[in-house]
């Protein structure tokens, strides 16, 4: 798990809270080679969502946190929507989906302040003994 990100919150406390989604397996069309364009391939994704989870810790209510099931659904849908040439582009689309799944102003629940996304090709098409190839990006949500 990545080290926590320290951010200010509406409660005046540094937000170091994170939700981790590790090992999400999807089939997606990604790559520039002809065989990558003609078939989907297995990918593995990890997401680390930074949000203020103190209200959920106090209330024990799903409405006060980030629904990671909904985030996973949005990520899987983003991976399936079209072909991507680059893992970098797919990672950006996944980050956008995770950030937008956070609640909008005025709704209950935590808002995703930042997300780190790791995308790995589990069968990279190279002529070497390579276990995987991947990218990792970090994106911040809109400042409210």
Protein backbone atom coordinates (compact mmCIF):
# COMPACT_ATOMS: atom_id res chain seq x y z
CA UNK A 1 0.00 0.00 0.00
CA UNK A 2 1.30 3.48 -0.81
CA UNK A 3 2.18 5.88 2.00
CA UNK A 4 -0.78 8.05 3.01
CA UNK A 5 -1.31 11.43 1.39
CA UNK A 6 -1.75 14.30 3.84
CA UNK A 7 -4.46 16.75 2.78
CA UNK A 8 -6.63 19.27 4.58
CA UNK A 9 -10.26 18.35 5.15
CA UNK A 10 -13.44 20.09 6.12
CA UNK A 11 -12.95 18.75 9.67
CA UNK A 12 -9.62 20.57 10.00
CA UNK A 13 -7.76 17.27 10.30
CA UNK A 14 -5.12 15.99 7.90
CA UNK A 15 -6.71 13.33 5.67
CA UNK A 16 -4.50 10.27 5.51
CA UNK A 17 -7.37 7.83 5.13
CA UNK A 18 -7.28 5.46 2.21
CA UNK A 19 -9.38 2.72 0.68
CA UNK A 20 -7.42 0.11 -1.24
CA UNK A 21 -8.78 -1.99 -4.11
CA UNK A 22 -6.09 -4.52 -5.01
CA UNK A 23 -5.94 -7.13 -7.72
CA UNK A 24 -9.05 -6.16 -9.70
CA UNK A 25 -8.92 -8.40 -12.79
CA UNK A 26 -10.50 -7.19 -16.03
CA UNK A 27 -10.40 -8.10 -19.70
CA UNK A 28 -9.72 -5.09 -21.91
CA UNK A 29 -8.60 -4.15 -25.38
CA UNK A 30 -5.34 -2.24 -25.00
CA UNK A 31 -2.15 -2.07 -27.04
CA UNK A 32 -0.73 -0.98 -30.37
CA UNK A 33 0.18 -4.36 -31.86
CA UNK A 34 -2.30 -6.00 -34.27
CA UNK A 35 -2.88 -8.98 -31.95
CA UNK A 36 -3.65 -6.57 -29.10
CA UNK A 37 -6.20 -4.75 -31.23
CA UNK A 38 -7.98 -7.95 -32.25
CA UNK A 39 -8.55 -9.48 -28.81
CA UNK A 40 -9.06 -8.48 -25.23
CA UNK A 41 -6.34 -9.35 -22.73
CA UNK A 42 -6.17 -9.80 -18.97
CA UNK A 43 -5.20 -6.78 -16.90
CA UNK A 44 -4.83 -6.31 -13.18
CA UNK A 45 -5.60 -3.00 -11.49
CA UNK A 46 -4.88 -1.58 -8.06
CA UNK A 47 -6.49 1.62 -6.79
CA UNK A 48 -5.73 3.60 -3.66
CA UNK A 49 -8.47 6.15 -2.90
CA UNK A 50 -7.67 8.97 -0.48
CA UNK A 51 -10.70 10.38 1.32
CA UNK A 52 -11.82 11.58 4.74
CA UNK A 53 -13.16 8.41 6.33
CA UNK A 54 -13.62 9.82 9.84
CA UNK A 55 -17.40 10.29 9.47
CA UNK A 56 -17.80 6.63 8.43
CA UNK A 57 -15.57 5.53 11.30
CA UNK A 58 -17.86 7.35 13.72
CA UNK A 59 -21.21 6.36 12.17
CA UNK A 60 -20.58 2.86 10.74
CA UNK A 61 -22.83 3.92 7.82
CA UNK A 62 -22.13 3.20 4.15
CA UNK A 63 -23.61 6.59 3.28
CA UNK A 64 -20.65 8.25 5.05
CA UNK A 65 -17.90 6.60 3.03
CA UNK A 66 -16.81 5.87 -0.53
CA UNK A 67 -18.69 2.87 -1.87
CA UNK A 68 -15.81 0.82 -3.26
CA UNK A 69 -18.23 -1.55 -4.97
CA UNK A 70 -19.57 1.36 -7.01
CA UNK A 71 -15.99 2.48 -7.76
CA UNK A 72 -15.10 -1.03 -8.95
CA UNK A 73 -18.21 -1.12 -11.16
CA UNK A 74 -17.27 2.26 -12.72
CA UNK A 75 -13.68 1.11 -13.31
CA UNK A 76 -14.72 -2.15 -14.97
CA UNK A 77 -17.15 -0.25 -17.21
CA UNK A 78 -14.42 2.24 -18.16
CA UNK A 79 -12.07 -0.60 -19.13
CA UNK A 80 -14.71 -2.19 -21.34
CA UNK A 81 -15.94 0.93 -23.15
CA UNK A 82 -13.42 0.95 -26.05
CA UNK A 83 -9.92 0.08 -27.28
CA UNK A 84 -7.01 2.01 -25.80
CA UNK A 85 -3.61 2.14 -27.49
CA UNK A 86 -1.69 2.95 -24.31
CA UNK A 87 -1.85 1.78 -20.71
CA UNK A 88 -1.27 5.42 -19.79
CA UNK A 89 -4.57 6.41 -21.41
CA UNK A 90 -6.45 3.53 -19.81
CA UNK A 91 -5.01 4.46 -16.40
CA UNK A 92 -6.21 8.06 -16.89
CA UNK A 93 -9.73 6.90 -17.81
CA UNK A 94 -9.78 4.63 -14.74
CA UNK A 95 -8.60 7.49 -12.50
CA UNK A 96 -11.31 9.77 -13.93
CA UNK A 97 -13.95 7.09 -13.27
CA UNK A 98 -12.79 6.60 -9.68
CA UNK A 99 -12.69 10.33 -8.97
CA UNK A 100 -16.13 10.95 -10.49
CA UNK A 101 -17.65 8.12 -8.47
CA UNK A 102 -17.01 10.22 -5.32
CA UNK A 103 -20.10 12.01 -4.10
CA UNK A 104 -20.87 15.47 -5.46
CA UNK A 105 -21.27 18.49 -3.19
CA UNK A 106 -24.39 18.32 -1.08
CA UNK A 107 -24.63 14.52 -1.11
CA UNK A 108 -23.77 12.29 1.80
CA UNK A 109 -20.56 10.31 1.85
CA UNK A 110 -16.85 10.86 1.52
CA UNK A 111 -15.37 12.46 -1.57
CA UNK A 112 -12.34 10.90 -3.26
CA UNK A 113 -9.64 13.56 -2.99
CA UNK A 114 -6.95 11.59 -4.79
CA UNK A 115 -6.50 8.26 -6.50
CA UNK A 116 -3.43 6.23 -7.41
CA UNK A 117 -4.06 3.74 -10.21
CA UNK A 118 -1.79 0.88 -11.21
CA UNK A 119 -2.60 -1.00 -14.44
CA UNK A 120 -0.66 -4.14 -15.36
CA UNK A 121 -0.66 -6.24 -18.52
CA UNK A 122 -0.39 -9.80 -17.26
CA UNK A 123 0.77 -11.17 -20.62
CA UNK A 124 2.83 -8.40 -22.24
CA UNK A 125 3.65 -9.16 -25.88
CA UNK A 126 7.44 -9.02 -25.69
CA UNK A 127 10.10 -11.53 -26.70
CA UNK A 128 11.49 -11.75 -23.17
CA UNK A 129 10.63 -13.49 -19.91
CA UNK A 130 8.65 -10.57 -18.52
CA UNK A 131 6.07 -11.24 -15.80
CA UNK A 132 4.09 -8.06 -16.43
CA UNK A 133 4.25 -4.52 -17.79
CA UNK A 134 2.40 -1.66 -16.18
CA UNK A 135 1.97 1.99 -15.30
CA UNK A 136 1.11 3.84 -12.10
CA UNK A 137 -0.43 7.31 -12.00
CA UNK A 138 -1.78 9.58 -9.27
CA UNK A 139 -4.53 12.11 -9.91
CA UNK A 140 -6.29 14.59 -7.64
CA UNK A 141 -9.97 15.40 -7.66
CA UNK A 142 -11.33 18.89 -8.19
CA UNK A 143 -10.78 21.20 -5.25
CA UNK A 144 -14.13 22.10 -3.66
